[in-house]
Amino acid sequence: MASSREYLDFILGQLSGLEDVSSRAMMGEYIIYYEGKVIGGIYDDRFLVKPVKAAIAMMPEAKYELPYQGGREMLLVSDVDNREFLEQLLNAMVEELPTAINRSR
């Protein structure tokens, strides 16, 4: 099942308080970038983030889910209605992630 553009727009709206957030469509899903780094993505209308230490610490009860068959497990962000939490999450994660090679808005 592909993710909807409406769900992507919702998540990007929740992250609109941060500068340099972007997305890229990929095979019916969306990769989310912050400050040039892949934070996670929208997969089957779920916001999943990479399981870096900061994300695990901020969401200790988060479920690990596969973004797609054969993919690596990621953390499900369940509190997507809380803008402040999402901003704190991305800011905490960004230092642990490598810079992405290719991205677009």
PDB file of N, CA and C in Angstrom:
ATOM      1  N   MET A   1       0.845  -1.181   0.000  1.00  0.00           N
ATOM      2  CA  MET A   1       0.000   0.000   0.000  1.00  0.00           C
ATOM      3  C   MET A   1       0.889   1.243   0.000  1.00  0.00           C
ATOM      4  N   ALA A   2       0.652   2.139  -0.900  1.00  0.00           N
ATOM      5  CA  ALA A   2       1.413   3.387  -0.962  1.00  0.00           C
ATOM      6  C   ALA A   2       0.862   4.395   0.038  1.00  0.00           C
ATOM      7  N   SER A   3       1.723   5.289   0.459  1.00  0.00           N
ATOM      8  CA  SER A   3       1.302   6.340   1.387  1.00  0.00           C
ATOM      9  C   SER A   3       0.582   7.448   0.635  1.00  0.00           C
ATOM     10  N   SER A   4      -0.312   8.120   1.328  1.00  0.00           N
ATOM     11  CA  SER A   4      -1.068   9.203   0.699  1.00  0.00           C
ATOM     12  C   SER A   4      -0.307  10.518   0.791  1.00  0.00           C
ATOM     13  N   ARG A   5      -0.510  11.354  -0.193  1.00  0.00           N
ATOM     14  CA  ARG A   5       0.084  12.692  -0.178  1.00  0.00           C
ATOM     15  C   ARG A   5      -0.483  13.495   0.993  1.00  0.00           C
ATOM     16  N   GLU A   6      -1.725  13.225   1.358  1.00  0.00           N
ATOM     17  CA  GLU A   6      -2.357  13.931   2.472  1.00  0.00           C
ATOM     18  C   GLU A   6      -1.638  13.646   3.795  1.00  0.00           C
ATOM     19  N   TYR A   7      -1.235  12.396   4.013  1.00  0.00           N
ATOM     20  CA  TYR A   7      -0.523  12.071   5.250  1.00  0.00           C
ATOM     21  C   TYR A   7       0.859  12.725   5.250  1.00  0.00           C
ATOM     22  N   LEU A   8       1.530  12.699   4.114  1.00  0.00           N
ATOM     23  CA  LEU A   8       2.816  13.396   4.011  1.00  0.00           C
ATOM     24  C   LEU A   8       2.646  14.870   4.329  1.00  0.00           C
ATOM     25  N   ASP A   9       1.646  15.515   3.730  1.00  0.00           N
ATOM     26  CA  ASP A   9       1.405  16.937   3.978  1.00  0.00           C
ATOM     27  C   ASP A   9       1.115  17.204   5.456  1.00  0.00           C
ATOM     28  N   PHE A  10       0.395  16.292   6.104  1.00  0.00           N
ATOM     29  CA  PHE A  10       0.115  16.429   7.539  1.00  0.00           C
ATOM     30  C   PHE A  10       1.414  16.406   8.344  1.00  0.00           C
ATOM     31  N   ILE A  11       2.264  15.416   8.079  1.00  0.00           N
ATOM     32  CA  ILE A  11       3.527  15.302   8.815  1.00  0.00           C
ATOM     33  C   ILE A  11       4.414  16.510   8.535  1.00  0.00           C
ATOM     34  N   LEU A  12       4.513  16.924   7.283  1.00  0.00           N
ATOM     35  CA  LEU A  12       5.327  18.106   6.970  1.00  0.00           C
ATOM     36  C   LEU A  12       4.758  19.352   7.641  1.00  0.00           C
ATOM     37  N   GLY A  13       3.454  19.441   7.757  1.00  0.00           N
ATOM     38  CA  GLY A  13       2.831  20.548   8.467  1.00  0.00           C
ATOM     39  C   GLY A  13       3.193  20.524   9.950  1.00  0.00           C
ATOM     40  N   GLN A  14       3.226  19.331  10.528  1.00  0.00           N
ATOM     41  CA  GLN A  14       3.600  19.192  11.934  1.00  0.00           C
ATOM     42  C   GLN A  14       5.057  19.590  12.159  1.00  0.00           C
ATOM     43  N   LEU A  15       5.874  19.447  11.129  1.00  0.00           N
ATOM     44  CA  LEU A  15       7.300  19.759  11.228  1.00  0.00           C
ATOM     45  C   LEU A  15       7.633  21.153  10.702  1.00  0.00           C
ATOM     46  N   SER A  16       6.606  21.932  10.375  1.00  0.00           N
ATOM     47  CA  SER A  16       6.825  23.232   9.726  1.00  0.00           C
ATOM     48  C   SER A  16       7.533  24.248  10.610  1.00  0.00           C
ATOM     49  N   GLY A  17       7.627  24.006  11.898  1.00  0.00           N
ATOM     50  CA  GLY A  17       8.353  24.902  12.783  1.00  0.00           C
ATOM     51  C   GLY A  17       9.867  24.743  12.681  1.00  0.00           C
ATOM     52  N   LEU A  18      10.307  23.707  11.984  1.00  0.00           N
ATOM     53  CA  LEU A  18      11.729  23.455  11.785  1.00  0.00           C
ATOM     54  C   LEU A  18      12.144  23.935  10.398  1.00  0.00           C
ATOM     55  N   GLU A  19      13.344  24.476  10.304  1.00  0.00           N
ATOM     56  CA  GLU A  19      13.867  24.848   8.991  1.00  0.00           C
ATOM     57  C   GLU A  19      14.550  23.638   8.371  1.00  0.00           C
ATOM     58  N   ASP A  20      14.596  23.599   7.068  1.00  0.00           N
ATOM     59  CA  ASP A  20      15.320  22.577   6.313  1.00  0.00           C
ATOM     60  C   ASP A  20      14.760  21.175   6.483  1.00  0.00           C
ATOM     61  N   VAL A  21      13.439  21.056   6.494  1.00  0.00           N
ATOM     62  CA  VAL A  21      12.779  19.754   6.428  1.00  0.00           C
ATOM     63  C   VAL A  21      12.299  19.585   4.992  1.00  0.00           C
ATOM     64  N   SER A  22      12.567  18.431   4.414  1.00  0.00           N
ATOM     65  CA  SER A  22      12.133  18.178   3.047  1.00  0.00           C
ATOM     66  C   SER A  22      11.761  16.706   2.901  1.00  0.00           C
ATOM     67  N   SER A  23      11.214  16.383   1.744  1.00  0.00           N
ATOM     68  CA  SER A  23      10.821  15.001   1.473  1.00  0.00           C
ATOM     69  C   SER A  23      11.134  14.665   0.026  1.00  0.00           C
ATOM     70  N   ARG A  24      11.175  13.378  -0.243  1.00  0.00           N
ATOM     71  CA  ARG A  24      11.380  12.892  -1.602  1.00  0.00           C
ATOM     72  C   ARG A  24      10.543  11.639  -1.792  1.00  0.00           C
ATOM     73  N   ALA A  25       9.792  11.624  -2.873  1.00  0.00           N
ATOM     74  CA  ALA A  25       8.985  10.447  -3.183  1.00  0.00           C
ATOM     75  C   ALA A  25       9.893   9.304  -3.628  1.00  0.00           C
ATOM     76  N   MET A  26       9.565   8.099  -3.147  1.00  0.00           N
ATOM     77  CA  MET A  26      10.341   6.939  -3.545  1.00  0.00           C
ATOM     78  C   MET A  26       9.442   5.709  -3.533  1.00  0.00           C
ATOM     79  N   MET A  27       9.087   5.237  -4.715  1.00  0.00           N
ATOM     80  CA  MET A  27       8.321   4.007  -4.883  1.00  0.00           C
ATOM     81  C   MET A  27       7.019   4.010  -4.084  1.00  0.00           C
ATOM     82  N   GLY A  28       6.276   5.107  -4.128  1.00  0.00           N
ATOM     83  CA  GLY A  28       4.981   5.199  -3.460  1.00  0.00           C
ATOM     84  C   GLY A  28       5.066   5.588  -1.999  1.00  0.00           C
ATOM     85  N   GLU A  29       6.269   5.798  -1.505  1.00  0.00           N
ATOM     86  CA  GLU A  29       6.478   6.204  -0.122  1.00  0.00           C
ATOM     87  C   GLU A  29       7.272   7.513  -0.138  1.00  0.00           C
ATOM     88  N   TYR A  30       7.622   8.032   1.030  1.00  0.00           N
ATOM     89  CA  TYR A  30       8.315   9.315   1.108  1.00  0.00           C
ATOM     90  C   TYR A  30       9.441   9.258   2.125  1.00  0.00           C
ATOM     91  N   ILE A  31      10.621   9.701   1.712  1.00  0.00           N
ATOM     92  CA  ILE A  31      11.764   9.828   2.607  1.00  0.00           C
ATOM     93  C   ILE A  31      11.707  11.230   3.209  1.00  0.00           C
ATOM     94  N   ILE A  32      11.958  11.344   4.508  1.00  0.00           N
ATOM     95  CA  ILE A  32      11.951  12.640   5.192  1.00  0.00           C
ATOM     96  C   ILE A  32      13.394  13.000   5.558  1.00  0.00           C
ATOM     97  N   TYR A  33      13.780  14.222   5.195  1.00  0.00           N
ATOM     98  CA  TYR A  33      15.114  14.746   5.477  1.00  0.00           C
ATOM     99  C   TYR A  33      15.013  15.911   6.455  1.00  0.00           C
ATOM    100  N   TYR A  34      16.025  16.039   7.289  1.00  0.00           N
ATOM    101  CA  TYR A  34      16.154  17.201   8.169  1.00  0.00           C
ATOM    102  C   TYR A  34      17.629  17.582   8.189  1.00  0.00           C
ATOM    103  N   GLU A  35      17.885  18.822   7.841  1.00  0.00           N
ATOM    104  CA  GLU A  35      19.250  19.341   7.762  1.00  0.00           C
ATOM    105  C   GLU A  35      20.135  18.451   6.891  1.00  0.00           C
ATOM    106  N   GLY A  36      19.587  17.975   5.783  1.00  0.00           N
ATOM    107  CA  GLY A  36      20.347  17.167   4.839  1.00  0.00           C
ATOM    108  C   GLY A  36      20.559  15.729   5.253  1.00  0.00           C
ATOM    109  N   LYS A  37      19.865  15.282   6.293  1.00  0.00           N
ATOM    110  CA  LYS A  37      20.031  13.918   6.788  1.00  0.00           C
ATOM    111  C   LYS A  37      18.709  13.170   6.742  1.00  0.00           C
ATOM    112  N   VAL A  38      18.768  11.891   6.389  1.00  0.00           N
ATOM    113  CA  VAL A  38      17.562  11.058   6.369  1.00  0.00           C
ATOM    114  C   VAL A  38      17.180  10.749   7.809  1.00  0.00           C
ATOM    115  N   ILE A  39      16.017  11.246   8.199  1.00  0.00           N
ATOM    116  CA  ILE A  39      15.489  11.013   9.549  1.00  0.00           C
ATOM    117  C   ILE A  39      14.652   9.741   9.571  1.00  0.00           C
ATOM    118  N   GLY A  40      13.918   9.525   8.489  1.00  0.00           N
ATOM    119  CA  GLY A  40      13.012   8.391   8.398  1.00  0.00           C
ATOM    120  C   GLY A  40      12.146   8.567   7.180  1.00  0.00           C
ATOM    121  N   GLY A  41      10.871   8.220   7.318  1.00  0.00           N
ATOM    122  CA  GLY A  41       9.988   8.361   6.179  1.00  0.00           C
ATOM    123  C   GLY A  41       8.548   8.036   6.508  1.00  0.00           C
ATOM    124  N   ILE A  42       7.738   8.199   5.475  1.00  0.00           N
ATOM    125  CA  ILE A  42       6.317   7.858   5.539  1.00  0.00           C
ATOM    126  C   ILE A  42       6.155   6.555   4.757  1.00  0.00           C
ATOM    127  N   TYR A  43       5.732   5.523   5.451  1.00  0.00           N
ATOM    128  CA  TYR A  43       5.563   4.196   4.853  1.00  0.00           C
ATOM    129  C   TYR A  43       4.185   3.677   5.237  1.00  0.00           C
ATOM    130  N   ASP A  44       3.362   3.405   4.250  1.00  0.00           N
ATOM    131  CA  ASP A  44       1.993   2.929   4.502  1.00  0.00           C
ATOM    132  C   ASP A  44       1.267   3.847   5.482  1.00  0.00           C
ATOM    133  N   ASP A  45       1.418   5.148   5.272  1.00  0.00           N
ATOM    134  CA  ASP A  45       0.804   6.172   6.128  1.00  0.00           C
ATOM    135  C   ASP A  45       1.195   6.018   7.596  1.00  0.00           C
ATOM    136  N   ARG A  46       2.447   5.658   7.816  1.00  0.00           N
ATOM    137  CA  ARG A  46       3.033   5.605   9.163  1.00  0.00           C
ATOM    138  C   ARG A  46       4.299   6.440   9.126  1.00  0.00           C
ATOM    139  N   PHE A  47       4.558   7.231  10.158  1.00  0.00           N
ATOM    140  CA  PHE A  47       5.795   7.988  10.261  1.00  0.00           C
ATOM    141  C   PHE A  47       6.780   7.135  11.041  1.00  0.00           C
ATOM    142  N   LEU A  48       7.808   6.658  10.362  1.00  0.00           N
ATOM    143  CA  LEU A  48       8.836   5.824  10.961  1.00  0.00           C
ATOM    144  C   LEU A  48      10.154   6.577  10.952  1.00  0.00           C
ATOM    145  N   VAL A  49      10.918   6.460  12.025  1.00  0.00           N
ATOM    146  CA  VAL A  49      12.224   7.109  12.100  1.00  0.00           C
ATOM    147  C   VAL A  49      13.302   6.068  12.369  1.00  0.00           C
ATOM    148  N   LYS A  50      14.531   6.447  12.038  1.00  0.00           N
ATOM    149  CA  LYS A  50      15.657   5.553  12.276  1.00  0.00           C
ATOM    150  C   LYS A  50      15.835   5.334  13.782  1.00  0.00           C
ATOM    151  N   PRO A  51      16.187   4.120  14.169  1.00  0.00           N
ATOM    152  CA  PRO A  51      16.308   3.801  15.594  1.00  0.00           C
ATOM    153  C   PRO A  51      17.671   4.192  16.176  1.00  0.00           C
ATOM    154  N   VAL A  52      17.964   5.474  16.147  1.00  0.00           N
ATOM    155  CA  VAL A  52      19.199   5.966  16.759  1.00  0.00           C
ATOM    156  C   VAL A  52      18.973   6.132  18.252  1.00  0.00           C
ATOM    157  N   LYS A  53      20.054   6.268  19.004  1.00  0.00           N
ATOM    158  CA  LYS A  53      19.964   6.320  20.472  1.00  0.00           C
ATOM    159  C   LYS A  53      18.992   7.389  20.971  1.00  0.00           C
ATOM    160  N   ALA A  54      19.044   8.571  20.371  1.00  0.00           N
ATOM    161  CA  ALA A  54      18.176   9.661  20.828  1.00  0.00           C
ATOM    162  C   ALA A  54      16.704   9.320  20.638  1.00  0.00           C
ATOM    163  N   ALA A  55      16.365   8.719  19.506  1.00  0.00           N
ATOM    164  CA  ALA A  55      14.973   8.352  19.246  1.00  0.00           C
ATOM    165  C   ALA A  55      14.507   7.265  20.210  1.00  0.00           C
ATOM    166  N   ILE A  56      15.356   6.301  20.463  1.00  0.00           N
ATOM    167  CA  ILE A  56      15.012   5.224  21.396  1.00  0.00           C
ATOM    168  C   ILE A  56      14.805   5.799  22.798  1.00  0.00           C
ATOM    169  N   ALA A  57      15.671   6.734  23.196  1.00  0.00           N
ATOM    170  CA  ALA A  57      15.550   7.346  24.525  1.00  0.00           C
ATOM    171  C   ALA A  57      14.270   8.157  24.658  1.00  0.00           C
ATOM    172  N   MET A  58      13.873   8.840  23.582  1.00  0.00           N
ATOM    173  CA  MET A  58      12.670   9.675  23.644  1.00  0.00           C
ATOM    174  C   MET A  58      11.389   8.875  23.491  1.00  0.00           C
ATOM    175  N   MET A  59      11.486   7.689  22.887  1.00  0.00           N
ATOM    176  CA  MET A  59      10.302   6.845  22.668  1.00  0.00           C
ATOM    177  C   MET A  59      10.609   5.420  23.119  1.00  0.00           C
ATOM    178  N   PRO A  60      10.841   5.202  24.415  1.00  0.00           N
ATOM    179  CA  PRO A  60      11.249   3.875  24.880  1.00  0.00           C
ATOM    180  C   PRO A  60      10.200   2.787  24.656  1.00  0.00           C
ATOM    181  N   GLU A  61       8.951   3.176  24.515  1.00  0.00           N
ATOM    182  CA  GLU A  61       7.878   2.200  24.307  1.00  0.00           C
ATOM    183  C   GLU A  61       7.502   2.044  22.828  1.00  0.00           C
ATOM    184  N   ALA A  62       8.229   2.716  21.945  1.00  0.00           N
ATOM    185  CA  ALA A  62       7.887   2.691  20.514  1.00  0.00           C
ATOM    186  C   ALA A  62       8.027   1.280  19.942  1.00  0.00           C
ATOM    187  N   LYS A  63       7.149   0.976  19.014  1.00  0.00           N
ATOM    188  CA  LYS A  63       7.195  -0.304  18.322  1.00  0.00           C
ATOM    189  C   LYS A  63       8.212  -0.224  17.190  1.00  0.00           C
ATOM    190  N   TYR A  64       8.933  -1.321  17.001  1.00  0.00           N
ATOM    191  CA  TYR A  64       9.816  -1.450  15.848  1.00  0.00           C
ATOM    192  C   TYR A  64       8.981  -2.044  14.721  1.00  0.00           C
ATOM    193  N   GLU A  65       9.025  -1.400  13.558  1.00  0.00           N
ATOM    194  CA  GLU A  65       8.245  -1.875  12.420  1.00  0.00           C
ATOM    195  C   GLU A  65       9.093  -1.821  11.158  1.00  0.00           C
ATOM    196  N   LEU A  66       8.756  -2.684  10.226  1.00  0.00           N
ATOM    197  CA  LEU A  66       9.441  -2.682   8.935  1.00  0.00           C
ATOM    198  C   LEU A  66       8.802  -1.635   8.030  1.00  0.00           C
ATOM    199  N   PRO A  67       9.612  -0.801   7.384  1.00  0.00           N
ATOM    200  CA  PRO A  67       9.041   0.177   6.462  1.00  0.00           C
ATOM    201  C   PRO A  67       8.473  -0.513   5.215  1.00  0.00           C
ATOM    202  N   TYR A  68       9.109  -1.587   4.816  1.00  0.00           N
ATOM    203  CA  TYR A  68       8.705  -2.382   3.649  1.00  0.00           C
ATOM    204  C   TYR A  68       9.384  -3.737   3.794  1.00  0.00           C
ATOM    205  N   GLN A  69       8.901  -4.707   3.068  1.00  0.00           N
ATOM    206  CA  GLN A  69       9.461  -6.051   3.177  1.00  0.00           C
ATOM    207  C   GLN A  69      10.927  -6.027   2.767  1.00  0.00           C
ATOM    208  N   GLY A  70      11.772  -6.555   3.621  1.00  0.00           N
ATOM    209  CA  GLY A  70      13.201  -6.586   3.362  1.00  0.00           C
ATOM    210  C   GLY A  70      13.944  -5.372   3.899  1.00  0.00           C
ATOM    211  N   GLY A  71      13.211  -4.388   4.423  1.00  0.00           N
ATOM    212  CA  GLY A  71      13.833  -3.186   4.989  1.00  0.00           C
ATOM    213  C   GLY A  71      14.283  -3.423   6.416  1.00  0.00           C
ATOM    214  N   ARG A  72      15.047  -2.468   6.926  1.00  0.00           N
ATOM    215  CA  ARG A  72      15.490  -2.529   8.320  1.00  0.00           C
ATOM    216  C   ARG A  72      14.417  -1.949   9.225  1.00  0.00           C
ATOM    217  N   GLU A  73      14.308  -2.518  10.413  1.00  0.00           N
ATOM    218  CA  GLU A  73      13.311  -2.031  11.363  1.00  0.00           C
ATOM    219  C   GLU A  73      13.550  -0.571  11.721  1.00  0.00           C
ATOM    220  N   MET A  74      12.444   0.137  11.869  1.00  0.00           N
ATOM    221  CA  MET A  74      12.465   1.538  12.256  1.00  0.00           C
ATOM    222  C   MET A  74      11.487   1.712  13.409  1.00  0.00           C
ATOM    223  N   LEU A  75      11.531   2.877  14.043  1.00  0.00           N
ATOM    224  CA  LEU A  75      10.632   3.162  15.158  1.00  0.00           C
ATOM    225  C   LEU A  75       9.367   3.856  14.659  1.00  0.00           C
ATOM    226  N   LEU A  76       8.224   3.386  15.108  1.00  0.00           N
ATOM    227  CA  LEU A  76       6.949   4.012  14.788  1.00  0.00           C
ATOM    228  C   LEU A  76       6.740   5.215  15.696  1.00  0.00           C
ATOM    229  N   VAL A  77       6.523   6.375  15.101  1.00  0.00           N
ATOM    230  CA  VAL A  77       6.222   7.576  15.880  1.00  0.00           C
ATOM    231  C   VAL A  77       4.709   7.616  16.052  1.00  0.00           C
ATOM    232  N   SER A  78       4.242   7.395  17.260  1.00  0.00           N
ATOM    233  CA  SER A  78       2.799   7.342  17.495  1.00  0.00           C
ATOM    234  C   SER A  78       2.214   8.692  17.884  1.00  0.00           C
ATOM    235  N   ASP A  79       3.054   9.591  18.395  1.00  0.00           N
ATOM    236  CA  ASP A  79       2.564  10.893  18.872  1.00  0.00           C
ATOM    237  C   ASP A  79       2.716  11.968  17.790  1.00  0.00           C
ATOM    238  N   VAL A  80       2.167  11.697  16.605  1.00  0.00           N
ATOM    239  CA  VAL A  80       2.334  12.629  15.481  1.00  0.00           C
ATOM    240  C   VAL A  80       1.504  13.900  15.628  1.00  0.00           C
ATOM    241  N   ASP A  81       0.566  13.932  16.551  1.00  0.00           N
ATOM    242  CA  ASP A  81      -0.239  15.140  16.760  1.00  0.00           C
ATOM    243  C   ASP A  81       0.474  16.175  17.629  1.00  0.00           C
ATOM    244  N   ASN A  82       1.577  15.808  18.231  1.00  0.00           N
ATOM    245  CA  ASN A  82       2.305  16.683  19.145  1.00  0.00           C
ATOM    246  C   ASN A  82       3.485  17.327  18.412  1.00  0.00           C
ATOM    247  N   ARG A  83       3.285  18.547  17.894  1.00  0.00           N
ATOM    248  CA  ARG A  83       4.327  19.256  17.129  1.00  0.00           C
ATOM    249  C   ARG A  83       5.599  19.456  17.943  1.00  0.00           C
ATOM    250  N   GLU A  84       5.443  19.867  19.185  1.00  0.00           N
ATOM    251  CA  GLU A  84       6.610  20.135  20.029  1.00  0.00           C
ATOM    252  C   GLU A  84       7.462  18.872  20.190  1.00  0.00           C
ATOM    253  N   PHE A  85       6.807  17.742  20.433  1.00  0.00           N
ATOM    254  CA  PHE A  85       7.527  16.476  20.566  1.00  0.00           C
ATOM    255  C   PHE A  85       8.256  16.131  19.270  1.00  0.00           C
ATOM    256  N   LEU A  86       7.585  16.280  18.126  1.00  0.00           N
ATOM    257  CA  LEU A  86       8.211  15.949  16.849  1.00  0.00           C
ATOM    258  C   LEU A  86       9.441  16.809  16.593  1.00  0.00           C
ATOM    259  N   GLU A  87       9.352  18.094  16.901  1.00  0.00           N
ATOM    260  CA  GLU A  87      10.501  18.979  16.721  1.00  0.00           C
ATOM    261  C   GLU A  87      11.648  18.561  17.636  1.00  0.00           C
ATOM    262  N   GLN A  88      11.338  18.249  18.885  1.00  0.00           N
ATOM    263  CA  GLN A  88      12.364  17.804  19.831  1.00  0.00           C
ATOM    264  C   GLN A  88      13.002  16.495  19.363  1.00  0.00           C
ATOM    265  N   LEU A  89      12.177  15.601  18.841  1.00  0.00           N
ATOM    266  CA  LEU A  89      12.670  14.314  18.352  1.00  0.00           C
ATOM    267  C   LEU A  89      13.664  14.509  17.220  1.00  0.00           C
ATOM    268  N   LEU A  90      13.306  15.281  16.204  1.00  0.00           N
ATOM    269  CA  LEU A  90      14.199  15.491  15.076  1.00  0.00           C
ATOM    270  C   LEU A  90      15.470  16.205  15.498  1.00  0.00           C
ATOM    271  N   ASN A  91      15.346  17.202  16.362  1.00  0.00           N
ATOM    272  CA  ASN A  91      16.537  17.913  16.834  1.00  0.00           C
ATOM    273  C   ASN A  91      17.468  16.993  17.618  1.00  0.00           C
ATOM    274  N   ALA A  92      16.914  16.078  18.378  1.00  0.00           N
ATOM    275  CA  ALA A  92      17.730  15.132  19.140  1.00  0.00           C
ATOM    276  C   ALA A  92      18.412  14.114  18.221  1.00  0.00           C
ATOM    277  N   MET A  93      17.742  13.703  17.167  1.00  0.00           N
ATOM    278  CA  MET A  93      18.255  12.669  16.272  1.00  0.00           C
ATOM    279  C   MET A  93      19.322  13.155  15.310  1.00  0.00           C
ATOM    280  N   VAL A  94      19.230  14.386  14.873  1.00  0.00           N
ATOM    281  CA  VAL A  94      20.000  14.863  13.725  1.00  0.00           C
ATOM    282  C   VAL A  94      21.513  14.713  13.899  1.00  0.00           C
ATOM    283  N   GLU A  95      22.016  14.884  15.085  1.00  0.00           N
ATOM    284  CA  GLU A  95      23.466  14.785  15.294  1.00  0.00           C
ATOM    285  C   GLU A  95      24.006  13.368  15.118  1.00  0.00           C
ATOM    286  N   GLU A  96      23.148  12.380  15.268  1.00  0.00           N
ATOM    287  CA  GLU A  96      23.577  10.983  15.174  1.00  0.00           C
ATOM    288  C   GLU A  96      23.559  10.427  13.753  1.00  0.00           C
ATOM    289  N   LEU A  97      23.055  11.194  12.808  1.00  0.00           N
ATOM    290  CA  LEU A  97      22.840  10.682  11.455  1.00  0.00           C
ATOM    291  C   LEU A  97      23.846  11.258  10.456  1.00  0.00           C
ATOM    292  N   PRO A  98      24.243  10.451   9.464  1.00  0.00           N
ATOM    293  CA  PRO A  98      25.146  10.949   8.421  1.00  0.00           C
ATOM    294  C   PRO A  98      24.392  11.845   7.429  1.00  0.00           C
ATOM    295  N   THR A  99      25.117  12.717   6.765  1.00  0.00           N
ATOM    296  CA  THR A  99      24.520  13.574   5.752  1.00  0.00           C
ATOM    297  C   THR A  99      24.146  12.733   4.544  1.00  0.00           C
ATOM    298  N   ALA A 100      22.957  12.977   4.001  1.00  0.00           N
ATOM    299  CA  ALA A 100      22.479  12.232   2.818  1.00  0.00           C
ATOM    300  C   ALA A 100      23.171  12.771   1.580  1.00  0.00           C
ATOM    301  N   ILE A 101      23.281  11.959   0.564  1.00  0.00           N
ATOM    302  CA  ILE A 101      23.941  12.352  -0.678  1.00  0.00           C
ATOM    303  C   ILE A 101      23.012  13.148  -1.581  1.00  0.00           C
ATOM    304  N   ASN A 102      21.760  12.700  -1.754  1.00  0.00           N
ATOM    305  CA  ASN A 102      20.850  13.311  -2.708  1.00  0.00           C
ATOM    306  C   ASN A 102      19.498  13.567  -2.034  1.00  0.00           C
ATOM    307  N   ARG A 103      19.001  14.778  -2.169  1.00  0.00           N
ATOM    308  CA  ARG A 103      17.678  15.076  -1.624  1.00  0.00           C
ATOM    309  C   ARG A 103      17.028  16.158  -2.443  1.00  0.00           C
ATOM    310  N   SER A 104      15.718  16.254  -2.340  1.00  0.00           N
ATOM    311  CA  SER A 104      14.969  17.307  -3.022  1.00  0.00           C
ATOM    312  C   SER A 104      13.732  17.634  -2.205  1.00  0.00           C
ATOM    313  N   ARG A 105      13.080  18.749  -2.537  1.00  0.00           N
ATOM    314  CA  ARG A 105      11.892  19.147  -1.797  1.00  0.00           C
ATOM    315  C   ARG A 105      10.673  18.638  -2.451  1.00  0.00           C
TER     316      ARG A 105
END
